[in-house]
Structures are given as structure tokens and as C-alpha cells.
Amino acid sequence: MTDMIAVAYNDEATAKQVLAELHALKTEHSLHLADVVLVTRNEEGKVKIHSSDNPVVDGAVSGAIWGGLIGLLLLQPLLGAAIGAATGSVTAAASEDEDDNTAFINQLGHRLQPGGAAVIALIIDVTEEKVLSRIAPYGGDLLHTSLTLAEEQRLRDAINPQPARTGEPTA
């Protein structure tokens, strides 16, 4: 099953570093991505979605995947997939720089602080230990996932660990 994970960062540079790590992990076969996008919000509050490397080729397929997943979250997967595929192919052909084929991704972008960015990934398969150890140093704020509660908590703990308490008595 494909899982969606959206993590926000304070700045675009950090989000781009995480994106580069994800692509490296994909090359190393530690991560199988269906799609990944970078979402930025400029200082004026405008949200921009930066699509995958091959938007014309991937448009209909990634649109169907995104639409299907969003449809599943809204309990209408077939309608979501159909809308996503149609929208994905049309917008990908029309624009390589901006792909706003889902209001859902745009909505997540509006939750970012001005100047912030997020990485939103559709993950098919993952070697959890390898991926978490590589992305944990970047921190981040978990915006949304389709993971189980236990999986989501492991991710939260990895990217936003609680600082060790000092001054407490030890046993």
C-alpha cells in the first residue's frame, strides 16, 4: 500500500536537502517512491508546488496516484483517481514548473509558515531504519500521514526527538 507523508521545514533549503536525501535513498534502493513534491510558501503567502523531474511523462500516473490516495482519504477513491489522472495529465503538459492538481496539497501548503517548505512523498516501500536515520537530522514538523498510529509516532520521534531532561535524579 502507498503511504503519504508530508513534513514541513522552516526553510526551502532544508526541504531541498531532505528531497536530495530521498532521491539518494531511492537510488540506493532503500526507498521506493511513487512520487514526491516540494511545496513552498513565499513571504507573501503564495503556495507553489514543484513537481517531479518528468512531469509530462509522469503527469497522468502521478495524478491518478495522488487523486486515488486523496480520494481514499475522502472515501471516494475511484472518483479521486479519475479526477487526479485527468488533472495530472492536463496540468503536467501545460506546466513543468507548477503542478497544482490537488487542492489537498495546496491546503497543506497554506499550513506552512511564510518562507517555509514541505516535502510530500508517496512511499510504496521503505527500509525504515536507513531512511529514518538519514532524514532525522533535518528535523521537521509532521503535517500529515496515512501511516498507522505506531508508524506515525516512530516518524515523529525520529524527526522531532524530545530533549533529554537534565537535573532529574537517576535510579
N, C-alpha and C. Protein backbone atom coordinates (compact mmCIF):
# COMPACT_ATOMS: atom_id res chain seq x y z
N MET A 1 0.83 -1.18 0.00
CA MET A 1 0.00 0.00 0.00
C MET A 1 0.88 1.24 0.00
N THR A 2 0.47 2.24 -0.69
CA THR A 2 1.19 3.50 -0.76
C THR A 2 0.81 4.37 0.43
N ASP A 3 1.82 4.96 1.07
CA ASP A 3 1.59 5.86 2.19
C ASP A 3 2.01 7.27 1.81
N MET A 4 1.25 8.25 2.29
CA MET A 4 1.60 9.64 2.06
C MET A 4 2.16 10.22 3.35
N ILE A 5 3.25 10.96 3.21
CA ILE A 5 3.87 11.63 4.35
C ILE A 5 4.19 13.06 3.93
N ALA A 6 3.77 14.02 4.75
CA ALA A 6 4.05 15.43 4.50
C ALA A 6 4.76 16.00 5.71
N VAL A 7 5.98 16.53 5.48
CA VAL A 7 6.78 17.09 6.56
C VAL A 7 7.15 18.52 6.19
N ALA A 8 6.90 19.44 7.13
CA ALA A 8 7.20 20.86 6.93
C ALA A 8 8.56 21.20 7.52
N TYR A 9 9.22 22.16 6.87
CA TYR A 9 10.52 22.66 7.32
C TYR A 9 10.46 24.17 7.37
N ASN A 10 11.33 24.77 8.18
CA ASN A 10 11.32 26.23 8.35
C ASN A 10 11.76 26.99 7.10
N ASP A 11 12.53 26.31 6.24
CA ASP A 11 13.03 27.00 5.04
C ASP A 11 13.11 26.02 3.87
N GLU A 12 13.16 26.60 2.70
CA GLU A 12 13.21 25.82 1.46
C GLU A 12 14.52 25.05 1.32
N ALA A 13 15.62 25.63 1.79
CA ALA A 13 16.92 24.97 1.67
C ALA A 13 16.93 23.63 2.40
N THR A 14 16.38 23.60 3.59
CA THR A 14 16.33 22.34 4.35
C THR A 14 15.44 21.32 3.64
N ALA A 15 14.29 21.76 3.16
CA ALA A 15 13.38 20.86 2.44
C ALA A 15 14.07 20.28 1.20
N LYS A 16 14.84 21.10 0.50
CA LYS A 16 15.56 20.62 -0.69
C LYS A 16 16.64 19.61 -0.32
N GLN A 17 17.28 19.79 0.84
CA GLN A 17 18.26 18.81 1.30
C GLN A 17 17.58 17.47 1.60
N VAL A 18 16.42 17.52 2.23
CA VAL A 18 15.67 16.30 2.51
C VAL A 18 15.25 15.64 1.20
N LEU A 19 14.80 16.43 0.25
CA LEU A 19 14.43 15.91 -1.06
C LEU A 19 15.62 15.21 -1.72
N ALA A 20 16.80 15.80 -1.62
CA ALA A 20 18.01 15.19 -2.18
C ALA A 20 18.32 13.87 -1.46
N GLU A 21 18.14 13.83 -0.15
CA GLU A 21 18.35 12.58 0.61
C GLU A 21 17.37 11.50 0.14
N LEU A 22 16.11 11.88 -0.07
CA LEU A 22 15.12 10.91 -0.53
C LEU A 22 15.49 10.34 -1.89
N HIS A 23 15.95 11.21 -2.78
CA HIS A 23 16.38 10.73 -4.10
C HIS A 23 17.60 9.82 -3.99
N ALA A 24 18.53 10.14 -3.09
CA ALA A 24 19.70 9.28 -2.88
C ALA A 24 19.27 7.93 -2.31
N LEU A 25 18.35 7.94 -1.37
CA LEU A 25 17.84 6.69 -0.78
C LEU A 25 17.11 5.86 -1.84
N LYS A 26 16.44 6.54 -2.76
CA LYS A 26 15.78 5.83 -3.86
C LYS A 26 16.82 5.15 -4.74
N THR A 27 17.89 5.85 -5.06
CA THR A 27 18.97 5.30 -5.87
C THR A 27 19.62 4.10 -5.18
N GLU A 28 19.72 4.17 -3.86
CA GLU A 28 20.32 3.09 -3.07
C GLU A 28 19.35 1.93 -2.81
N HIS A 29 18.14 2.06 -3.32
CA HIS A 29 17.09 1.04 -3.17
C HIS A 29 16.66 0.85 -1.71
N SER A 30 16.77 1.90 -0.91
CA SER A 30 16.28 1.87 0.46
C SER A 30 14.88 2.48 0.54
N LEU A 31 14.44 3.07 -0.57
CA LEU A 31 13.16 3.76 -0.62
C LEU A 31 12.58 3.63 -2.02
N HIS A 32 11.31 3.26 -2.11
CA HIS A 32 10.62 3.19 -3.39
C HIS A 32 9.53 4.25 -3.36
N LEU A 33 9.73 5.33 -4.12
CA LEU A 33 8.80 6.45 -4.17
C LEU A 33 7.88 6.34 -5.37
N ALA A 34 6.58 6.57 -5.15
CA ALA A 34 5.66 6.70 -6.27
C ALA A 34 5.75 8.11 -6.83
N ASP A 35 5.90 9.07 -5.93
CA ASP A 35 6.03 10.47 -6.33
C ASP A 35 6.47 11.27 -5.12
N VAL A 36 7.05 12.42 -5.37
CA VAL A 36 7.44 13.33 -4.30
C VAL A 36 7.36 14.75 -4.86
N VAL A 37 6.84 15.66 -4.04
CA VAL A 37 6.77 17.06 -4.46
C VAL A 37 7.31 17.94 -3.35
N LEU A 38 7.80 19.09 -3.76
CA LEU A 38 8.26 20.12 -2.84
C LEU A 38 7.21 21.22 -2.89
N VAL A 39 6.73 21.63 -1.72
CA VAL A 39 5.74 22.69 -1.64
C VAL A 39 6.39 23.85 -0.89
N THR A 40 6.34 25.03 -1.48
CA THR A 40 6.93 26.21 -0.83
C THR A 40 5.85 27.26 -0.62
N ARG A 41 6.07 28.08 0.39
CA ARG A 41 5.19 29.23 0.64
C ARG A 41 6.09 30.45 0.78
N ASN A 42 5.92 31.40 -0.14
CA ASN A 42 6.81 32.56 -0.11
C ASN A 42 6.39 33.53 0.99
N GLU A 43 7.15 34.59 1.14
CA GLU A 43 6.92 35.56 2.22
C GLU A 43 5.56 36.26 2.10
N GLU A 44 5.02 36.32 0.87
CA GLU A 44 3.70 36.92 0.67
C GLU A 44 2.57 35.92 0.91
N GLY A 45 2.93 34.66 1.17
CA GLY A 45 1.93 33.64 1.48
C GLY A 45 1.49 32.80 0.29
N LYS A 46 2.07 33.03 -0.89
CA LYS A 46 1.68 32.26 -2.07
C LYS A 46 2.32 30.88 -2.03
N VAL A 47 1.50 29.85 -2.27
CA VAL A 47 1.95 28.47 -2.25
C VAL A 47 2.28 28.02 -3.67
N LYS A 48 3.43 27.36 -3.81
CA LYS A 48 3.84 26.83 -5.12
C LYS A 48 4.21 25.37 -4.95
N ILE A 49 3.74 24.54 -5.87
CA ILE A 49 4.02 23.11 -5.84
C ILE A 49 5.01 22.80 -6.94
N HIS A 50 6.16 22.26 -6.56
CA HIS A 50 7.22 21.91 -7.51
C HIS A 50 7.12 20.41 -7.74
N SER A 51 6.80 20.03 -8.97
CA SER A 51 6.52 18.62 -9.27
C SER A 51 7.77 17.80 -9.52
N SER A 52 7.55 16.54 -9.87
CA SER A 52 8.65 15.59 -10.10
C SER A 52 9.49 15.97 -11.30
N ASP A 53 10.55 15.20 -11.54
CA ASP A 53 11.51 15.50 -12.61
C ASP A 53 10.93 15.38 -14.01
N ASN A 54 9.96 14.49 -14.22
CA ASN A 54 9.40 14.24 -15.55
C ASN A 54 7.90 14.48 -15.53
N PRO A 55 7.45 15.74 -15.43
CA PRO A 55 6.03 15.99 -15.25
C PRO A 55 5.15 15.57 -16.42
N VAL A 56 5.62 15.69 -17.66
CA VAL A 56 4.77 15.32 -18.78
C VAL A 56 4.56 13.80 -18.82
N VAL A 57 5.64 13.05 -18.61
CA VAL A 57 5.55 11.60 -18.64
C VAL A 57 4.80 11.09 -17.42
N ASP A 58 5.09 11.66 -16.25
CA ASP A 58 4.52 11.17 -15.01
C ASP A 58 3.16 11.77 -14.68
N GLY A 59 2.72 12.78 -15.40
CA GLY A 59 1.53 13.53 -15.03
C GLY A 59 0.29 12.71 -14.77
N ALA A 60 -0.11 11.90 -15.73
CA ALA A 60 -1.33 11.12 -15.56
C ALA A 60 -1.18 10.06 -14.49
N VAL A 61 -0.02 9.40 -14.45
CA VAL A 61 0.20 8.34 -13.45
C VAL A 61 0.24 8.92 -12.05
N SER A 62 1.06 9.96 -11.85
CA SER A 62 1.14 10.53 -10.50
C SER A 62 -0.17 11.21 -10.13
N GLY A 63 -0.83 11.81 -11.10
CA GLY A 63 -2.15 12.40 -10.82
C GLY A 63 -3.14 11.36 -10.36
N ALA A 64 -3.12 10.18 -10.98
CA ALA A 64 -4.02 9.11 -10.56
C ALA A 64 -3.67 8.61 -9.17
N ILE A 65 -2.36 8.50 -8.88
CA ILE A 65 -1.94 8.04 -7.55
C ILE A 65 -2.34 9.05 -6.50
N TRP A 66 -1.99 10.34 -6.73
CA TRP A 66 -2.34 11.39 -5.77
C TRP A 66 -3.86 11.47 -5.62
N GLY A 67 -4.56 11.48 -6.73
CA GLY A 67 -6.02 11.57 -6.68
C GLY A 67 -6.65 10.39 -5.98
N GLY A 68 -6.10 9.18 -6.25
CA GLY A 68 -6.62 7.98 -5.59
C GLY A 68 -6.39 8.01 -4.10
N LEU A 69 -5.20 8.44 -3.69
CA LEU A 69 -4.90 8.50 -2.26
C LEU A 69 -5.75 9.55 -1.57
N ILE A 70 -5.87 10.71 -2.19
CA ILE A 70 -6.70 11.76 -1.61
C ILE A 70 -8.17 11.31 -1.61
N GLY A 71 -8.58 10.65 -2.68
CA GLY A 71 -9.94 10.11 -2.73
C GLY A 71 -10.17 9.09 -1.63
N LEU A 72 -9.16 8.26 -1.37
CA LEU A 72 -9.27 7.27 -0.30
C LEU A 72 -9.43 7.96 1.05
N LEU A 73 -8.67 9.02 1.24
CA LEU A 73 -8.79 9.78 2.48
C LEU A 73 -10.18 10.41 2.61
N LEU A 74 -10.79 10.72 1.47
CA LEU A 74 -12.14 11.30 1.47
C LEU A 74 -13.21 10.25 1.20
N LEU A 75 -12.82 8.97 1.18
CA LEU A 75 -13.71 7.82 1.00
C LEU A 75 -14.34 7.74 -0.39
N GLN A 76 -13.69 8.29 -1.41
CA GLN A 76 -14.15 8.17 -2.78
C GLN A 76 -12.96 7.91 -3.70
N PRO A 77 -12.30 6.73 -3.56
CA PRO A 77 -11.05 6.50 -4.29
C PRO A 77 -11.17 6.48 -5.81
N LEU A 78 -12.22 5.89 -6.36
CA LEU A 78 -12.32 5.81 -7.82
C LEU A 78 -12.53 7.17 -8.44
N LEU A 79 -13.36 7.98 -7.83
CA LEU A 79 -13.58 9.34 -8.32
C LEU A 79 -12.30 10.15 -8.20
N GLY A 80 -11.61 10.01 -7.07
CA GLY A 80 -10.36 10.74 -6.86
C GLY A 80 -9.31 10.36 -7.88
N ALA A 81 -9.19 9.06 -8.17
CA ALA A 81 -8.20 8.59 -9.15
C ALA A 81 -8.53 9.11 -10.54
N ALA A 82 -9.80 9.09 -10.92
CA ALA A 82 -10.19 9.57 -12.25
C ALA A 82 -9.91 11.06 -12.39
N ILE A 83 -10.30 11.82 -11.38
CA ILE A 83 -10.05 13.26 -11.42
C ILE A 83 -8.55 13.53 -11.41
N GLY A 84 -7.82 12.81 -10.57
CA GLY A 84 -6.37 13.00 -10.47
C GLY A 84 -5.66 12.70 -11.77
N ALA A 85 -6.06 11.61 -12.44
CA ALA A 85 -5.42 11.24 -13.71
C ALA A 85 -5.67 12.30 -14.78
N ALA A 86 -6.92 12.73 -14.88
CA ALA A 86 -7.25 13.73 -15.88
C ALA A 86 -6.54 15.04 -15.59
N THR A 87 -6.61 15.48 -14.35
CA THR A 87 -5.98 16.74 -13.97
C THR A 87 -4.47 16.64 -14.09
N GLY A 88 -3.89 15.52 -13.67
CA GLY A 88 -2.44 15.35 -13.72
C GLY A 88 -1.90 15.43 -15.12
N SER A 89 -2.57 14.78 -16.07
CA SER A 89 -2.06 14.80 -17.44
C SER A 89 -2.20 16.17 -18.08
N VAL A 90 -3.30 16.85 -17.81
CA VAL A 90 -3.51 18.17 -18.40
C VAL A 90 -2.54 19.19 -17.81
N THR A 91 -2.44 19.23 -16.48
CA THR A 91 -1.57 20.24 -15.87
C THR A 91 -0.10 19.94 -16.11
N ALA A 92 0.28 18.66 -16.18
CA ALA A 92 1.68 18.33 -16.42
C ALA A 92 2.09 18.77 -17.82
N ALA A 93 1.22 18.58 -18.78
CA ALA A 93 1.52 19.00 -20.14
C ALA A 93 1.57 20.52 -20.24
N ALA A 94 0.75 21.20 -19.45
CA ALA A 94 0.67 22.65 -19.53
C ALA A 94 1.81 23.35 -18.80
N SER A 95 2.34 22.73 -17.74
CA SER A 95 3.34 23.43 -16.95
C SER A 95 4.29 22.47 -16.28
N GLU A 96 5.60 22.66 -16.51
CA GLU A 96 6.58 21.82 -15.84
C GLU A 96 6.94 22.38 -14.48
N ASP A 97 6.74 23.67 -14.25
CA ASP A 97 7.17 24.30 -13.01
C ASP A 97 6.13 24.25 -11.92
N GLU A 98 4.87 24.26 -12.27
CA GLU A 98 3.84 24.32 -11.25
C GLU A 98 2.77 23.29 -11.53
N ASP A 99 2.50 22.45 -10.58
CA ASP A 99 1.52 21.39 -10.75
C ASP A 99 0.58 21.44 -9.55
N ASP A 100 -0.51 22.18 -9.69
CA ASP A 100 -1.44 22.32 -8.58
C ASP A 100 -2.67 21.47 -8.80
N ASN A 101 -2.44 20.17 -9.11
CA ASN A 101 -3.55 19.30 -9.48
C ASN A 101 -4.40 18.86 -8.32
N THR A 102 -4.03 19.18 -7.07
CA THR A 102 -4.90 18.82 -5.97
C THR A 102 -5.02 19.97 -4.99
N ALA A 103 -6.24 20.23 -4.58
CA ALA A 103 -6.48 21.25 -3.56
C ALA A 103 -5.91 20.80 -2.23
N PHE A 104 -5.83 19.49 -2.04
CA PHE A 104 -5.32 18.94 -0.79
C PHE A 104 -3.87 19.35 -0.56
N ILE A 105 -3.02 19.22 -1.56
CA ILE A 105 -1.61 19.59 -1.43
C ILE A 105 -1.51 21.10 -1.22
N ASN A 106 -2.32 21.84 -1.94
CA ASN A 106 -2.33 23.29 -1.78
C ASN A 106 -2.74 23.66 -0.36
N GLN A 107 -3.71 22.95 0.19
CA GLN A 107 -4.17 23.20 1.55
C GLN A 107 -3.04 22.95 2.55
N LEU A 108 -2.29 21.87 2.34
CA LEU A 108 -1.14 21.61 3.21
C LEU A 108 -0.13 22.75 3.11
N GLY A 109 0.06 23.26 1.91
CA GLY A 109 0.99 24.37 1.70
C GLY A 109 0.59 25.61 2.48
N HIS A 110 -0.70 25.86 2.61
CA HIS A 110 -1.16 27.02 3.36
C HIS A 110 -0.94 26.86 4.86
N ARG A 111 -0.64 25.66 5.31
CA ARG A 111 -0.32 25.45 6.73
C ARG A 111 1.14 25.78 7.03
N LEU A 112 1.94 26.00 5.99
CA LEU A 112 3.34 26.35 6.17
C LEU A 112 3.46 27.80 6.61
N GLN A 113 4.51 28.09 7.36
CA GLN A 113 4.84 29.46 7.70
C GLN A 113 5.38 30.15 6.44
N PRO A 114 5.15 31.45 6.28
CA PRO A 114 5.77 32.15 5.14
C PRO A 114 7.29 31.92 5.15
N GLY A 115 7.81 31.57 3.99
CA GLY A 115 9.23 31.25 3.85
C GLY A 115 9.53 29.78 4.10
N GLY A 116 8.52 29.02 4.52
CA GLY A 116 8.70 27.60 4.81
C GLY A 116 8.47 26.73 3.58
N ALA A 117 8.75 25.46 3.75
CA ALA A 117 8.59 24.49 2.66
C ALA A 117 8.25 23.14 3.25
N ALA A 118 7.69 22.28 2.42
CA ALA A 118 7.36 20.93 2.85
C ALA A 118 7.72 19.94 1.76
N VAL A 119 8.03 18.74 2.18
CA VAL A 119 8.23 17.63 1.27
C VAL A 119 7.04 16.69 1.47
N ILE A 120 6.35 16.40 0.38
CA ILE A 120 5.22 15.48 0.44
C ILE A 120 5.56 14.31 -0.46
N ALA A 121 5.61 13.12 0.14
CA ALA A 121 6.05 11.93 -0.58
C ALA A 121 4.99 10.84 -0.54
N LEU A 122 4.85 10.16 -1.67
CA LEU A 122 4.05 8.94 -1.75
C LEU A 122 5.04 7.78 -1.75
N ILE A 123 5.03 7.01 -0.68
CA ILE A 123 6.02 5.97 -0.48
C ILE A 123 5.39 4.60 -0.66
N ILE A 124 5.98 3.80 -1.55
CA ILE A 124 5.50 2.46 -1.81
C ILE A 124 6.15 1.47 -0.85
N ASP A 125 7.46 1.59 -0.67
CA ASP A 125 8.19 0.66 0.19
C ASP A 125 9.39 1.40 0.78
N VAL A 126 9.79 0.99 1.99
CA VAL A 126 10.86 1.70 2.68
C VAL A 126 11.63 0.76 3.59
N THR A 127 12.94 0.96 3.66
CA THR A 127 13.76 0.33 4.69
C THR A 127 13.82 1.36 5.81
N GLU A 128 12.94 1.20 6.78
CA GLU A 128 12.67 2.22 7.78
C GLU A 128 13.92 2.72 8.50
N GLU A 129 14.76 1.81 8.96
CA GLU A 129 15.94 2.21 9.74
C GLU A 129 16.86 3.12 8.94
N LYS A 130 17.11 2.75 7.68
CA LYS A 130 18.01 3.54 6.84
C LYS A 130 17.44 4.92 6.55
N VAL A 131 16.16 4.96 6.22
CA VAL A 131 15.54 6.24 5.86
C VAL A 131 15.44 7.16 7.07
N LEU A 132 14.96 6.65 8.19
CA LEU A 132 14.81 7.49 9.37
C LEU A 132 16.15 8.07 9.84
N SER A 133 17.19 7.26 9.80
CA SER A 133 18.50 7.76 10.24
C SER A 133 19.02 8.86 9.33
N ARG A 134 18.65 8.85 8.06
CA ARG A 134 19.13 9.85 7.11
C ARG A 134 18.32 11.15 7.14
N ILE A 135 17.02 11.04 7.44
CA ILE A 135 16.21 12.26 7.43
C ILE A 135 16.06 12.89 8.82
N ALA A 136 16.32 12.12 9.87
CA ALA A 136 16.16 12.63 11.24
C ALA A 136 16.97 13.89 11.53
N PRO A 137 18.22 14.01 11.06
CA PRO A 137 19.00 15.22 11.38
C PRO A 137 18.37 16.53 10.87
N TYR A 138 17.47 16.45 9.91
CA TYR A 138 16.86 17.65 9.35
C TYR A 138 15.67 18.14 10.18
N GLY A 139 15.20 17.32 11.12
CA GLY A 139 14.06 17.71 11.93
C GLY A 139 12.80 17.77 11.11
N GLY A 140 11.96 18.73 11.40
CA GLY A 140 10.72 18.91 10.65
C GLY A 140 9.50 18.78 11.51
N ASP A 141 8.39 19.19 10.95
CA ASP A 141 7.09 19.14 11.61
C ASP A 141 6.16 18.30 10.75
N LEU A 142 5.68 17.20 11.28
CA LEU A 142 4.82 16.30 10.54
C LEU A 142 3.46 16.95 10.32
N LEU A 143 3.12 17.22 9.05
CA LEU A 143 1.85 17.85 8.71
C LEU A 143 0.74 16.83 8.55
N HIS A 144 1.06 15.70 7.89
CA HIS A 144 0.02 14.72 7.57
C HIS A 144 0.67 13.40 7.20
N THR A 145 0.02 12.30 7.57
CA THR A 145 0.44 10.98 7.09
C THR A 145 -0.78 10.10 6.89
N SER A 146 -0.57 9.03 6.18
CA SER A 146 -1.58 7.98 6.09
C SER A 146 -1.07 6.73 6.80
N LEU A 147 -0.08 6.90 7.65
CA LEU A 147 0.54 5.79 8.38
C LEU A 147 -0.35 5.34 9.54
N THR A 148 -0.05 4.16 10.08
CA THR A 148 -0.72 3.73 11.31
C THR A 148 -0.23 4.64 12.44
N LEU A 149 -0.94 4.64 13.55
CA LEU A 149 -0.54 5.48 14.68
C LEU A 149 0.86 5.13 15.17
N ALA A 150 1.19 3.84 15.24
CA ALA A 150 2.52 3.42 15.71
C ALA A 150 3.61 3.88 14.74
N GLU A 151 3.38 3.73 13.43
CA GLU A 151 4.36 4.16 12.43
C GLU A 151 4.53 5.68 12.47
N GLU A 152 3.42 6.38 12.61
CA GLU A 152 3.47 7.84 12.68
C GLU A 152 4.26 8.30 13.90
N GLN A 153 4.06 7.63 15.04
CA GLN A 153 4.79 8.01 16.25
C GLN A 153 6.29 7.76 16.10
N ARG A 154 6.68 6.65 15.44
CA ARG A 154 8.11 6.40 15.19
C ARG A 154 8.71 7.51 14.33
N LEU A 155 7.96 7.94 13.33
CA LEU A 155 8.44 9.02 12.46
C LEU A 155 8.55 10.32 13.25
N ARG A 156 7.53 10.65 14.03
CA ARG A 156 7.58 11.86 14.87
C ARG A 156 8.78 11.84 15.81
N ASP A 157 8.99 10.71 16.46
CA ASP A 157 10.11 10.58 17.39
C ASP A 157 11.45 10.75 16.67
N ALA A 158 11.55 10.28 15.44
CA ALA A 158 12.81 10.37 14.69
C ALA A 158 13.10 11.80 14.25
N ILE A 159 12.09 12.50 13.74
CA ILE A 159 12.36 13.84 13.20
C ILE A 159 12.25 14.94 14.25
N ASN A 160 11.63 14.65 15.37
CA ASN A 160 11.45 15.66 16.39
C ASN A 160 11.62 15.04 17.77
N PRO A 161 12.82 14.52 18.08
CA PRO A 161 13.02 13.84 19.36
C PRO A 161 12.89 14.81 20.54
N GLN A 162 12.40 14.28 21.64
CA GLN A 162 12.27 15.07 22.85
C GLN A 162 13.66 15.23 23.46
N PRO A 163 14.02 16.44 23.88
CA PRO A 163 15.34 16.61 24.50
C PRO A 163 15.41 15.85 25.83
N ALA A 164 16.60 15.37 26.12
CA ALA A 164 16.81 14.65 27.37
C ALA A 164 16.66 15.64 28.54
N ARG A 165 15.99 15.20 29.59
CA ARG A 165 15.81 16.06 30.75
C ARG A 165 17.07 16.01 31.60
N THR A 166 17.44 17.17 32.11
CA THR A 166 18.63 17.23 32.97
C THR A 166 18.20 17.64 34.37
N GLY A 167 19.00 17.30 35.35
CA GLY A 167 18.72 17.67 36.71
C GLY A 167 17.77 16.75 37.43
N GLU A 168 17.31 15.68 36.76
CA GLU A 168 16.41 14.73 37.41
C GLU A 168 17.24 13.64 38.06
N PRO A 169 16.77 13.16 39.19
CA PRO A 169 17.50 12.08 39.86
C PRO A 169 17.48 10.82 39.01
N THR A 170 18.58 10.10 39.01
CA THR A 170 18.67 8.84 38.29
C THR A 170 18.58 7.70 39.29
N ALA A 171 18.06 6.59 38.85
CA ALA A 171 17.88 5.44 39.75
C ALA A 171 19.13 4.63 39.90
